[in-house]
Amino acid sequence: MERIVERKQTSFRLRTDLLERLQVVAKNENRSLNNFVESALMDIIYRKPNATTLEAMKEAESGKELDTLPLNNFKDYVEGL
């Protein structure tokens, strides 16, 4: 069963250059301006890393257990993936 999402019409004052850029990006993604802006805002508001991601971020920032990769073997490494 499809869930109905209630929406309320509103208006914002945006800089002209920002609005133009939003319109271009939305068009390039074949989306309406409304859909593009709503999705972008949802990503900003609800983007919160889970516990696993937070732990990985802390590990990466600490520099512990990082492997070094000699650049002369990088091509072989990538091909081995």
PDB file of N, CA and C in Angstrom:
ATOM      1  N   MET A   1       0.830  -1.175   0.000  1.00  0.00           N
ATOM      2  CA  MET A   1       0.000   0.000   0.000  1.00  0.00           C
ATOM      3  C   MET A   1       0.881   1.248   0.000  1.00  0.00           C
ATOM      4  N   GLU A   2       0.563   2.184  -0.849  1.00  0.00           N
ATOM      5  CA  GLU A   2       1.348   3.402  -0.968  1.00  0.00           C
ATOM      6  C   GLU A   2       1.026   4.367   0.162  1.00  0.00           C
ATOM      7  N   ARG A   3       2.071   4.923   0.743  1.00  0.00           N
ATOM      8  CA  ARG A   3       1.902   5.885   1.815  1.00  0.00           C
ATOM      9  C   ARG A   3       1.755   7.285   1.228  1.00  0.00           C
ATOM     10  N   ILE A   4       0.791   8.015   1.682  1.00  0.00           N
ATOM     11  CA  ILE A   4       0.569   9.369   1.201  1.00  0.00           C
ATOM     12  C   ILE A   4       1.383  10.333   2.060  1.00  0.00           C
ATOM     13  N   VAL A   5       2.197  11.135   1.383  1.00  0.00           N
ATOM     14  CA  VAL A   5       3.015  12.127   2.075  1.00  0.00           C
ATOM     15  C   VAL A   5       2.339  13.477   1.907  1.00  0.00           C
ATOM     16  N   GLU A   6       1.991  14.069   3.022  1.00  0.00           N
ATOM     17  CA  GLU A   6       1.336  15.378   2.976  1.00  0.00           C
ATOM     18  C   GLU A   6       2.370  16.452   2.692  1.00  0.00           C
ATOM     19  N   ARG A   7       2.035  17.348   1.796  1.00  0.00           N
ATOM     20  CA  ARG A   7       2.919  18.460   1.453  1.00  0.00           C
ATOM     21  C   ARG A   7       2.164  19.769   1.629  1.00  0.00           C
ATOM     22  N   LYS A   8       2.913  20.790   1.959  1.00  0.00           N
ATOM     23  CA  LYS A   8       2.320  22.111   2.120  1.00  0.00           C
ATOM     24  C   LYS A   8       3.067  23.082   1.218  1.00  0.00           C
ATOM     25  N   GLN A   9       2.327  23.837   0.450  1.00  0.00           N
ATOM     26  CA  GLN A   9       2.936  24.814  -0.438  1.00  0.00           C
ATOM     27  C   GLN A   9       3.537  25.944   0.380  1.00  0.00           C
ATOM     28  N   THR A  10       4.719  26.363  -0.029  1.00  0.00           N
ATOM     29  CA  THR A  10       5.407  27.450   0.660  1.00  0.00           C
ATOM     30  C   THR A  10       6.215  28.227  -0.365  1.00  0.00           C
ATOM     31  N   SER A  11       6.800  29.301   0.057  1.00  0.00           N
ATOM     32  CA  SER A  11       7.651  30.068  -0.863  1.00  0.00           C
ATOM     33  C   SER A  11       8.894  30.530  -0.123  1.00  0.00           C
ATOM     34  N   PHE A  12       9.967  30.677  -0.888  1.00  0.00           N
ATOM     35  CA  PHE A  12      11.236  31.147  -0.356  1.00  0.00           C
ATOM     36  C   PHE A  12      11.770  32.221  -1.277  1.00  0.00           C
ATOM     37  N   ARG A  13      12.541  33.094  -0.713  1.00  0.00           N
ATOM     38  CA  ARG A  13      13.267  34.069  -1.520  1.00  0.00           C
ATOM     39  C   ARG A  13      14.692  33.549  -1.640  1.00  0.00           C
ATOM     40  N   LEU A  14      15.106  33.318  -2.874  1.00  0.00           N
ATOM     41  CA  LEU A  14      16.449  32.817  -3.138  1.00  0.00           C
ATOM     42  C   LEU A  14      17.193  33.795  -4.028  1.00  0.00           C
ATOM     43  N   ARG A  15      18.487  33.786  -3.909  1.00  0.00           N
ATOM     44  CA  ARG A  15      19.300  34.580  -4.820  1.00  0.00           C
ATOM     45  C   ARG A  15      19.036  34.098  -6.241  1.00  0.00           C
ATOM     46  N   THR A  16      18.993  35.016  -7.166  1.00  0.00           N
ATOM     47  CA  THR A  16      18.700  34.670  -8.562  1.00  0.00           C
ATOM     48  C   THR A  16      19.713  33.677  -9.113  1.00  0.00           C
ATOM     49  N   ASP A  17      20.998  33.891  -8.825  1.00  0.00           N
ATOM     50  CA  ASP A  17      22.016  32.980  -9.348  1.00  0.00           C
ATOM     51  C   ASP A  17      21.870  31.574  -8.750  1.00  0.00           C
ATOM     52  N   LEU A  18      21.476  31.485  -7.489  1.00  0.00           N
ATOM     53  CA  LEU A  18      21.265  30.188  -6.861  1.00  0.00           C
ATOM     54  C   LEU A  18      20.073  29.476  -7.495  1.00  0.00           C
ATOM     55  N   LEU A  19      18.995  30.185  -7.691  1.00  0.00           N
ATOM     56  CA  LEU A  19      17.810  29.597  -8.311  1.00  0.00           C
ATOM     57  C   LEU A  19      18.128  29.096  -9.716  1.00  0.00           C
ATOM     58  N   GLU A  20      18.853  29.897 -10.476  1.00  0.00           N
ATOM     59  CA  GLU A  20      19.220  29.482 -11.836  1.00  0.00           C
ATOM     60  C   GLU A  20      20.072  28.223 -11.813  1.00  0.00           C
ATOM     61  N   ARG A  21      20.995  28.164 -10.889  1.00  0.00           N
ATOM     62  CA  ARG A  21      21.861  26.974 -10.783  1.00  0.00           C
ATOM     63  C   ARG A  21      21.049  25.752 -10.376  1.00  0.00           C
ATOM     64  N   LEU A  22      20.138  25.916  -9.427  1.00  0.00           N
ATOM     65  CA  LEU A  22      19.269  24.809  -9.018  1.00  0.00           C
ATOM     66  C   LEU A  22      18.443  24.304 -10.194  1.00  0.00           C
ATOM     67  N   GLN A  23      17.931  25.214 -11.003  1.00  0.00           N
ATOM     68  CA  GLN A  23      17.131  24.819 -12.159  1.00  0.00           C
ATOM     69  C   GLN A  23      17.959  24.031 -13.168  1.00  0.00           C
ATOM     70  N   VAL A  24      19.194  24.449 -13.383  1.00  0.00           N
ATOM     71  CA  VAL A  24      20.076  23.752 -14.327  1.00  0.00           C
ATOM     72  C   VAL A  24      20.375  22.338 -13.824  1.00  0.00           C
ATOM     73  N   VAL A  25      20.735  22.229 -12.563  1.00  0.00           N
ATOM     74  CA  VAL A  25      21.074  20.919 -12.010  1.00  0.00           C
ATOM     75  C   VAL A  25      19.862  19.997 -12.020  1.00  0.00           C
ATOM     76  N   ALA A  26      18.707  20.515 -11.651  1.00  0.00           N
ATOM     77  CA  ALA A  26      17.483  19.709 -11.666  1.00  0.00           C
ATOM     78  C   ALA A  26      17.184  19.225 -13.083  1.00  0.00           C
ATOM     79  N   LYS A  27      17.306  20.105 -14.053  1.00  0.00           N
ATOM     80  CA  LYS A  27      17.044  19.732 -15.448  1.00  0.00           C
ATOM     81  C   LYS A  27      18.029  18.669 -15.911  1.00  0.00           C
ATOM     82  N   ASN A  28      19.301  18.821 -15.544  1.00  0.00           N
ATOM     83  CA  ASN A  28      20.321  17.835 -15.933  1.00  0.00           C
ATOM     84  C   ASN A  28      20.040  16.461 -15.345  1.00  0.00           C
ATOM     85  N   GLU A  29      19.346  16.421 -14.232  1.00  0.00           N
ATOM     86  CA  GLU A  29      18.989  15.149 -13.591  1.00  0.00           C
ATOM     87  C   GLU A  29      17.573  14.703 -13.962  1.00  0.00           C
ATOM     88  N   ASN A  30      16.963  15.410 -14.928  1.00  0.00           N
ATOM     89  CA  ASN A  30      15.596  15.094 -15.372  1.00  0.00           C
ATOM     90  C   ASN A  30      14.608  15.068 -14.211  1.00  0.00           C
ATOM     91  N   ARG A  31      14.721  16.080 -13.354  1.00  0.00           N
ATOM     92  CA  ARG A  31      13.846  16.183 -12.193  1.00  0.00           C
ATOM     93  C   ARG A  31      13.233  17.572 -12.162  1.00  0.00           C
ATOM     94  N   SER A  32      12.099  17.659 -11.520  1.00  0.00           N
ATOM     95  CA  SER A  32      11.507  18.979 -11.336  1.00  0.00           C
ATOM     96  C   SER A  32      12.331  19.741 -10.305  1.00  0.00           C
ATOM     97  N   LEU A  33      12.235  21.047 -10.354  1.00  0.00           N
ATOM     98  CA  LEU A  33      12.935  21.868  -9.370  1.00  0.00           C
ATOM     99  C   LEU A  33      12.453  21.516  -7.975  1.00  0.00           C
ATOM    100  N   ASN A  34      11.157  21.359  -7.804  1.00  0.00           N
ATOM    101  CA  ASN A  34      10.604  21.022  -6.494  1.00  0.00           C
ATOM    102  C   ASN A  34      11.177  19.700  -5.980  1.00  0.00           C
ATOM    103  N   ASN A  35      11.183  18.661  -6.841  1.00  0.00           N
ATOM    104  CA  ASN A  35      11.692  17.359  -6.432  1.00  0.00           C
ATOM    105  C   ASN A  35      13.173  17.437  -6.078  1.00  0.00           C
ATOM    106  N   PHE A  36      13.938  18.166  -6.885  1.00  0.00           N
ATOM    107  CA  PHE A  36      15.369  18.281  -6.633  1.00  0.00           C
ATOM    108  C   PHE A  36      15.653  18.965  -5.299  1.00  0.00           C
ATOM    109  N   VAL A  37      14.996  20.106  -5.067  1.00  0.00           N
ATOM    110  CA  VAL A  37      15.224  20.852  -3.828  1.00  0.00           C
ATOM    111  C   VAL A  37      14.744  20.057  -2.624  1.00  0.00           C
ATOM    112  N   GLU A  38      13.574  19.432  -2.726  1.00  0.00           N
ATOM    113  CA  GLU A  38      13.063  18.632  -1.613  1.00  0.00           C
ATOM    114  C   GLU A  38      14.020  17.490  -1.284  1.00  0.00           C
ATOM    115  N   SER A  39      14.526  16.803  -2.303  1.00  0.00           N
ATOM    116  CA  SER A  39      15.465  15.702  -2.071  1.00  0.00           C
ATOM    117  C   SER A  39      16.757  16.188  -1.433  1.00  0.00           C
ATOM    118  N   ALA A  40      17.253  17.326  -1.912  1.00  0.00           N
ATOM    119  CA  ALA A  40      18.488  17.882  -1.343  1.00  0.00           C
ATOM    120  C   ALA A  40      18.294  18.239   0.127  1.00  0.00           C
ATOM    121  N   LEU A  41      17.173  18.836   0.441  1.00  0.00           N
ATOM    122  CA  LEU A  41      16.891  19.202   1.832  1.00  0.00           C
ATOM    123  C   LEU A  41      16.722  17.953   2.706  1.00  0.00           C
ATOM    124  N   MET A  42      16.056  16.942   2.182  1.00  0.00           N
ATOM    125  CA  MET A  42      15.881  15.688   2.938  1.00  0.00           C
ATOM    126  C   MET A  42      17.243  15.060   3.235  1.00  0.00           C
ATOM    127  N   ASP A  43      18.137  15.066   2.242  1.00  0.00           N
ATOM    128  CA  ASP A  43      19.480  14.517   2.456  1.00  0.00           C
ATOM    129  C   ASP A  43      20.206  15.262   3.569  1.00  0.00           C
ATOM    130  N   ILE A  44      20.101  16.567   3.571  1.00  0.00           N
ATOM    131  CA  ILE A  44      20.780  17.371   4.589  1.00  0.00           C
ATOM    132  C   ILE A  44      20.198  17.114   5.974  1.00  0.00           C
ATOM    133  N   ILE A  45      18.891  17.078   6.074  1.00  0.00           N
ATOM    134  CA  ILE A  45      18.231  16.950   7.369  1.00  0.00           C
ATOM    135  C   ILE A  45      18.376  15.549   7.964  1.00  0.00           C
ATOM    136  N   TYR A  46      18.265  14.528   7.123  1.00  0.00           N
ATOM    137  CA  TYR A  46      18.226  13.162   7.649  1.00  0.00           C
ATOM    138  C   TYR A  46      19.521  12.381   7.485  1.00  0.00           C
ATOM    139  N   ARG A  47      20.544  12.999   6.938  1.00  0.00           N
ATOM    140  CA  ARG A  47      21.814  12.288   6.755  1.00  0.00           C
ATOM    141  C   ARG A  47      22.541  12.222   8.100  1.00  0.00           C
ATOM    142  N   LYS A  48      22.538  11.080   8.688  1.00  0.00           N
ATOM    143  CA  LYS A  48      23.230  10.876   9.953  1.00  0.00           C
ATOM    144  C   LYS A  48      23.916   9.520   9.870  1.00  0.00           C
ATOM    145  N   PRO A  49      25.232   9.477  10.003  1.00  0.00           N
ATOM    146  CA  PRO A  49      25.936   8.196   9.894  1.00  0.00           C
ATOM    147  C   PRO A  49      25.511   7.231  10.997  1.00  0.00           C
ATOM    148  N   ASN A  50      25.432   5.945  10.631  1.00  0.00           N
ATOM    149  CA  ASN A  50      25.109   4.933  11.639  1.00  0.00           C
ATOM    150  C   ASN A  50      26.354   4.605  12.452  1.00  0.00           C
ATOM    151  N   ALA A  51      26.218   3.747  13.438  1.00  0.00           N
ATOM    152  CA  ALA A  51      27.317   3.434  14.363  1.00  0.00           C
ATOM    153  C   ALA A  51      28.521   2.851  13.631  1.00  0.00           C
ATOM    154  N   THR A  52      28.286   1.978  12.671  1.00  0.00           N
ATOM    155  CA  THR A  52      29.386   1.356  11.924  1.00  0.00           C
ATOM    156  C   THR A  52      30.163   2.414  11.140  1.00  0.00           C
ATOM    157  N   THR A  53      29.443   3.312  10.505  1.00  0.00           N
ATOM    158  CA  THR A  53      30.091   4.359   9.731  1.00  0.00           C
ATOM    159  C   THR A  53      30.858   5.312  10.637  1.00  0.00           C
ATOM    160  N   LEU A  54      30.277   5.670  11.777  1.00  0.00           N
ATOM    161  CA  LEU A  54      30.979   6.542  12.727  1.00  0.00           C
ATOM    162  C   LEU A  54      32.268   5.902  13.215  1.00  0.00           C
ATOM    163  N   GLU A  55      32.224   4.605  13.506  1.00  0.00           N
ATOM    164  CA  GLU A  55      33.421   3.897  13.960  1.00  0.00           C
ATOM    165  C   GLU A  55      34.482   3.870  12.855  1.00  0.00           C
ATOM    166  N   ALA A  56      34.062   3.637  11.617  1.00  0.00           N
ATOM    167  CA  ALA A  56      35.003   3.634  10.494  1.00  0.00           C
ATOM    168  C   ALA A  56      35.625   5.010  10.287  1.00  0.00           C
ATOM    169  N   MET A  57      34.823   6.047  10.482  1.00  0.00           N
ATOM    170  CA  MET A  57      35.340   7.407  10.349  1.00  0.00           C
ATOM    171  C   MET A  57      36.386   7.691  11.420  1.00  0.00           C
ATOM    172  N   LYS A  58      36.121   7.267  12.649  1.00  0.00           N
ATOM    173  CA  LYS A  58      37.086   7.468  13.738  1.00  0.00           C
ATOM    174  C   LYS A  58      38.379   6.705  13.448  1.00  0.00           C
ATOM    175  N   GLU A  59      38.230   5.481  12.947  1.00  0.00           N
ATOM    176  CA  GLU A  59      39.407   4.667  12.628  1.00  0.00           C
ATOM    177  C   GLU A  59      40.237   5.328  11.527  1.00  0.00           C
ATOM    178  N   ALA A  60      39.584   5.818  10.502  1.00  0.00           N
ATOM    179  CA  ALA A  60      40.290   6.477   9.398  1.00  0.00           C
ATOM    180  C   ALA A  60      40.993   7.740   9.873  1.00  0.00           C
ATOM    181  N   GLU A  61      40.325   8.509  10.719  1.00  0.00           N
ATOM    182  CA  GLU A  61      40.922   9.739  11.232  1.00  0.00           C
ATOM    183  C   GLU A  61      42.115   9.459  12.133  1.00  0.00           C
ATOM    184  N   SER A  62      42.086   8.337  12.837  1.00  0.00           N
ATOM    185  CA  SER A  62      43.181   8.015  13.752  1.00  0.00           C
ATOM    186  C   SER A  62      44.438   7.592  13.019  1.00  0.00           C
ATOM    187  N   GLY A  63      44.276   7.062  11.807  1.00  0.00           N
ATOM    188  CA  GLY A  63      45.436   6.607  11.046  1.00  0.00           C
ATOM    189  C   GLY A  63      45.943   5.240  11.464  1.00  0.00           C
ATOM    190  N   LYS A  64      45.281   4.612  12.427  1.00  0.00           N
ATOM    191  CA  LYS A  64      45.691   3.282  12.878  1.00  0.00           C
ATOM    192  C   LYS A  64      45.301   2.234  11.849  1.00  0.00           C
ATOM    193  N   GLU A  65      46.115   1.213  11.775  1.00  0.00           N
ATOM    194  CA  GLU A  65      45.858   0.059  10.915  1.00  0.00           C
ATOM    195  C   GLU A  65      45.691   0.423   9.445  1.00  0.00           C
ATOM    196  N   LEU A  66      46.348   1.486   9.018  1.00  0.00           N
ATOM    197  CA  LEU A  66      46.299   1.847   7.610  1.00  0.00           C
ATOM    198  C   LEU A  66      47.425   1.146   6.875  1.00  0.00           C
ATOM    199  N   ASP A  67      47.101   0.561   5.752  1.00  0.00           N
ATOM    200  CA  ASP A  67      48.114  -0.074   4.925  1.00  0.00           C
ATOM    201  C   ASP A  67      48.703   0.981   3.996  1.00  0.00           C
ATOM    202  N   THR A  68      49.999   0.882   3.768  1.00  0.00           N
ATOM    203  CA  THR A  68      50.608   1.758   2.781  1.00  0.00           C
ATOM    204  C   THR A  68      50.667   1.008   1.472  1.00  0.00           C
ATOM    205  N   LEU A  69      50.508   1.722   0.417  1.00  0.00           N
ATOM    206  CA  LEU A  69      50.492   1.126  -0.911  1.00  0.00           C
ATOM    207  C   LEU A  69      51.558   1.799  -1.750  1.00  0.00           C
ATOM    208  N   PRO A  70      52.616   1.057  -2.079  1.00  0.00           N
ATOM    209  CA  PRO A  70      53.643   1.650  -2.933  1.00  0.00           C
ATOM    210  C   PRO A  70      53.041   2.014  -4.293  1.00  0.00           C
ATOM    211  N   LEU A  71      53.315   3.212  -4.756  1.00  0.00           N
ATOM    212  CA  LEU A  71      52.711   3.669  -5.999  1.00  0.00           C
ATOM    213  C   LEU A  71      53.150   2.852  -7.210  1.00  0.00           C
ATOM    214  N   ASN A  72      54.330   2.254  -7.143  1.00  0.00           N
ATOM    215  CA  ASN A  72      54.767   1.457  -8.282  1.00  0.00           C
ATOM    216  C   ASN A  72      53.940   0.175  -8.429  1.00  0.00           C
ATOM    217  N   ASN A  73      53.219  -0.232  -7.375  1.00  0.00           N
ATOM    218  CA  ASN A  73      52.357  -1.413  -7.451  1.00  0.00           C
ATOM    219  C   ASN A  73      50.878  -1.053  -7.537  1.00  0.00           C
ATOM    220  N   PHE A  74      50.573   0.215  -7.672  1.00  0.00           N
ATOM    221  CA  PHE A  74      49.179   0.651  -7.649  1.00  0.00           C
ATOM    222  C   PHE A  74      48.364   0.050  -8.792  1.00  0.00           C
ATOM    223  N   LYS A  75      48.930   0.037  -9.992  1.00  0.00           N
ATOM    224  CA  LYS A  75      48.216  -0.516 -11.146  1.00  0.00           C
ATOM    225  C   LYS A  75      47.879  -1.982 -10.908  1.00  0.00           C
ATOM    226  N   ASP A  76      48.836  -2.750 -10.378  1.00  0.00           N
ATOM    227  CA  ASP A  76      48.572  -4.163 -10.081  1.00  0.00           C
ATOM    228  C   ASP A  76      47.485  -4.294  -9.001  1.00  0.00           C
ATOM    229  N   TYR A  77      47.519  -3.409  -8.029  1.00  0.00           N
ATOM    230  CA  TYR A  77      46.512  -3.434  -6.964  1.00  0.00           C
ATOM    231  C   TYR A  77      45.121  -3.196  -7.529  1.00  0.00           C
ATOM    232  N   VAL A  78      44.990  -2.177  -8.372  1.00  0.00           N
ATOM    233  CA  VAL A  78      43.678  -1.854  -8.952  1.00  0.00           C
ATOM    234  C   VAL A  78      43.190  -3.001  -9.819  1.00  0.00           C
ATOM    235  N   GLU A  79      44.046  -3.571 -10.615  1.00  0.00           N
ATOM    236  CA  GLU A  79      43.655  -4.685 -11.480  1.00  0.00           C
ATOM    237  C   GLU A  79      43.239  -5.898 -10.672  1.00  0.00           C
ATOM    238  N   GLY A  80      43.778  -6.019  -9.464  1.00  0.00           N
ATOM    239  CA  GLY A  80      43.439  -7.155  -8.601  1.00  0.00           C
ATOM    240  C   GLY A  80      42.144  -7.006  -7.862  1.00  0.00           C
ATOM    241  N   LEU A  81      41.540  -5.834  -7.935  1.00  0.00           N
ATOM    242  CA  LEU A  81      40.272  -5.629  -7.225  1.00  0.00           C
ATOM    243  C   LEU A  81      39.121  -6.340  -7.878  1.00  0.00           C
TER     244      LEU A  81
END
